[in-house]
Structure formats: structure tokens, C-alpha cells
Amino acid sequence: MPSLKLSALGDLNAGGLARPAVEKLAGAWLACFLVMARGNVLAAFSLEHILLASICGTVSALVTLALLVQMDRTINSVSRQATIAAVATFIGDTFAHASHFPPQWAEPAVTAAVSASIAVAVWHAKRWAKLA
């Protein structure tokens, strides 16, 4: 039975956990920040919105860690990254605050879709940067 290597927690290479957790924290934070604002850019920069987006991002990073500890991290794909981002952000947004519009799952679902889109963009940007 495979065991968790504690050295992998701080490892910043592709098989480590720190980089994907930070990427998902940033993606979830940005997605939550953008969706909560609902187009009102000035209201988005309130301390309340920044705090709620930070809670969403932190919970998403923790969910990502919980998922990645159980997965084979040697295999990586854009669909896997988008799925992890969407699931983790949906949980993080649900945990961070109540939905701003009904039904209760709608805002977390939109936030999860935006986060998955960010994950896809980051995936392709990293691939492009390695080719350039």
C-alpha cells in the first residue's frame, strides 16, 4: 500500500503538492472575486469581498490537497486540472458564503466554471511557455 511522503508536501516540482495548491488557491480566489462582484468593479474591492474570496481560495486549496494526496500525480491533463479546479472551487465557494442569487448552488456553479476556465488558461500558458 503506498504511503504519503512528507517530503512531497513542500516539493515544487510537477509531482509535488505545493504548486498545484497555490495555483488552485489563486484561481479560486480570482474566480470568486470576479463572480461575487457581478460586474460592479468598484464594489469588488471592498474588504468583505476580498475576505470572502480569500476564504474560498483557501478552502479550495485544502480540497485540492485532499484530492491530490489520493491521486497519481505523475499523470497530468487539462481535463484533470479543470475538473479539480471546478470541484475544489465549488466546495470553497459553498463554504465561504451563501449564494448572492437563487438557487443556492447557482453562484458556486458559475464560480466553479470560471475557475475551471482559469485552470485551462493556465494549463495552456504553461505549455506555451515551455515551447517558446
Protein backbone atom coordinates (compact mmCIF):
# COMPACT_ATOMS: atom_id res chain seq x y z
CA MET A 1 0.00 0.00 0.00
CA PRO A 2 1.55 3.36 -0.99
CA SER A 3 2.19 5.83 1.77
CA LEU A 4 2.29 9.61 1.80
CA LYS A 5 5.79 11.00 1.51
CA LEU A 6 6.02 14.09 3.69
CA SER A 7 8.83 15.46 1.55
CA ALA A 8 6.34 15.72 -1.34
CA LEU A 9 4.25 18.27 0.55
CA GLY A 10 6.82 21.01 0.10
CA ASP A 11 8.16 19.84 -3.25
CA LEU A 12 7.59 22.38 -6.00
CA ASN A 13 8.10 20.01 -8.94
CA ALA A 14 5.28 18.54 -11.03
CA GLY A 15 4.78 15.65 -8.58
CA GLY A 16 4.63 17.92 -5.51
CA LEU A 17 1.60 19.35 -3.81
CA ALA A 18 2.59 22.95 -3.12
CA ARG A 19 2.43 24.30 -6.67
CA PRO A 20 -1.00 22.84 -7.57
CA ALA A 21 -2.41 24.02 -4.24
CA VAL A 22 -1.14 27.57 -4.81
CA GLU A 23 -2.45 27.53 -8.40
CA LYS A 24 -5.90 26.40 -7.26
CA LEU A 25 -5.93 28.95 -4.42
CA ALA A 26 -5.15 31.75 -6.87
CA GLY A 27 -7.62 30.51 -9.48
CA ALA A 28 -10.43 30.05 -6.97
CA TRP A 29 -9.69 33.42 -5.35
CA LEU A 30 -9.81 35.21 -8.69
CA ALA A 31 -12.94 33.36 -9.84
CA CYS A 32 -14.77 34.05 -6.57
CA PHE A 33 -13.65 37.69 -6.61
CA LEU A 34 -14.92 38.20 -10.18
CA VAL A 35 -18.23 36.35 -9.82
CA MET A 36 -19.15 37.93 -6.46
CA ALA A 37 -18.71 41.40 -7.95
CA ARG A 38 -21.37 40.67 -10.61
CA GLY A 39 -19.98 43.40 -12.84
CA ASN A 40 -19.62 46.08 -10.16
CA VAL A 41 -15.84 46.52 -10.20
CA LEU A 42 -15.76 49.22 -7.52
CA ALA A 43 -17.72 47.08 -5.05
CA ALA A 44 -15.38 44.16 -5.73
CA PHE A 45 -12.51 45.90 -3.98
CA SER A 46 -14.27 46.01 -0.62
CA LEU A 47 -12.61 44.29 2.32
CA GLU A 48 -15.61 41.94 2.62
CA HIS A 49 -15.25 40.69 -0.97
CA ILE A 50 -11.51 40.23 -0.58
CA LEU A 51 -12.01 38.26 2.66
CA LEU A 52 -14.72 36.02 1.19
CA ALA A 53 -12.62 35.34 -1.91
CA SER A 54 -9.67 34.51 0.37
CA ILE A 55 -11.79 32.01 2.31
CA CYS A 56 -12.99 30.46 -0.94
CA GLY A 57 -9.42 30.20 -2.25
CA THR A 58 -8.05 28.74 0.98
CA VAL A 59 -10.76 26.08 1.22
CA SER A 60 -10.25 25.28 -2.47
CA ALA A 61 -6.52 24.81 -1.91
CA LEU A 62 -7.21 22.47 1.02
CA VAL A 63 -9.71 20.46 -1.06
CA THR A 64 -7.12 20.28 -3.85
CA LEU A 65 -4.54 18.93 -1.42
CA ALA A 66 -7.01 16.34 -0.13
CA LEU A 67 -7.72 15.23 -3.70
CA LEU A 68 -4.11 15.21 -4.89
CA VAL A 69 -2.83 13.19 -1.91
CA GLN A 70 -5.06 10.35 -3.12
CA MET A 71 -4.20 10.66 -6.84
CA ASP A 72 -1.36 9.58 -9.07
CA ARG A 73 0.40 12.91 -9.62
CA THR A 74 2.62 11.60 -12.42
CA ILE A 75 -0.34 11.80 -14.81
CA ASN A 76 -1.50 15.28 -15.71
CA SER A 77 -4.02 16.60 -18.25
CA VAL A 78 -6.01 19.72 -18.95
CA SER A 79 -9.30 17.95 -18.20
CA ARG A 80 -7.96 16.75 -14.84
CA GLN A 81 -6.83 20.25 -13.90
CA ALA A 82 -10.16 21.79 -14.93
CA THR A 83 -12.12 19.14 -13.01
CA ILE A 84 -10.07 19.55 -9.83
CA ALA A 85 -10.39 23.34 -10.09
CA ALA A 86 -14.15 23.16 -10.59
CA VAL A 87 -14.81 20.70 -7.76
CA ALA A 88 -12.49 22.45 -5.30
CA THR A 89 -13.86 25.91 -6.13
CA PHE A 90 -17.48 24.75 -5.89
CA ILE A 91 -16.79 23.42 -2.38
CA GLY A 92 -14.77 26.51 -1.44
CA ASP A 93 -17.42 28.95 -2.64
CA THR A 94 -20.21 27.00 -0.92
CA PHE A 95 -18.22 27.07 2.30
CA ALA A 96 -17.22 30.75 2.06
CA HIS A 97 -20.64 32.39 1.81
CA ALA A 98 -24.29 31.99 0.92
CA SER A 99 -25.20 32.45 -2.72
CA HIS A 100 -26.00 36.01 -3.78
CA PHE A 101 -28.79 34.79 -6.06
CA PRO A 102 -31.10 31.75 -6.09
CA PRO A 103 -30.89 28.80 -6.35
CA GLN A 104 -28.27 28.18 -3.66
CA TRP A 105 -25.98 26.17 -5.97
CA ALA A 106 -26.03 28.67 -8.87
CA GLU A 107 -23.29 31.05 -7.78
CA PRO A 108 -20.90 28.26 -6.72
CA ALA A 109 -21.52 26.58 -10.08
CA VAL A 110 -20.72 29.77 -12.01
CA THR A 111 -17.64 30.36 -9.85
CA ALA A 112 -16.53 26.75 -10.45
CA ALA A 113 -16.92 27.22 -14.23
CA VAL A 114 -14.84 30.41 -14.14
CA SER A 115 -12.19 28.67 -12.04
CA ALA A 116 -12.08 25.73 -14.47
CA SER A 117 -11.63 28.22 -17.32
CA ILE A 118 -8.74 29.83 -15.45
CA ALA A 119 -7.18 26.38 -14.92
CA VAL A 120 -7.43 25.65 -18.66
CA ALA A 121 -5.85 29.02 -19.50
CA VAL A 122 -3.01 28.41 -17.03
CA TRP A 123 -2.51 24.90 -18.42
CA HIS A 124 -2.13 26.21 -21.98
CA ALA A 125 0.02 29.16 -20.89
CA LYS A 126 2.43 26.79 -19.12
CA ARG A 127 2.59 24.54 -22.19
CA TRP A 128 3.14 27.53 -24.49
CA ALA A 129 5.87 28.95 -22.24
CA LYS A 130 7.77 25.67 -22.32
CA LEU A 131 7.68 25.65 -26.14
CA ALA A 132 8.78 29.27 -26.53
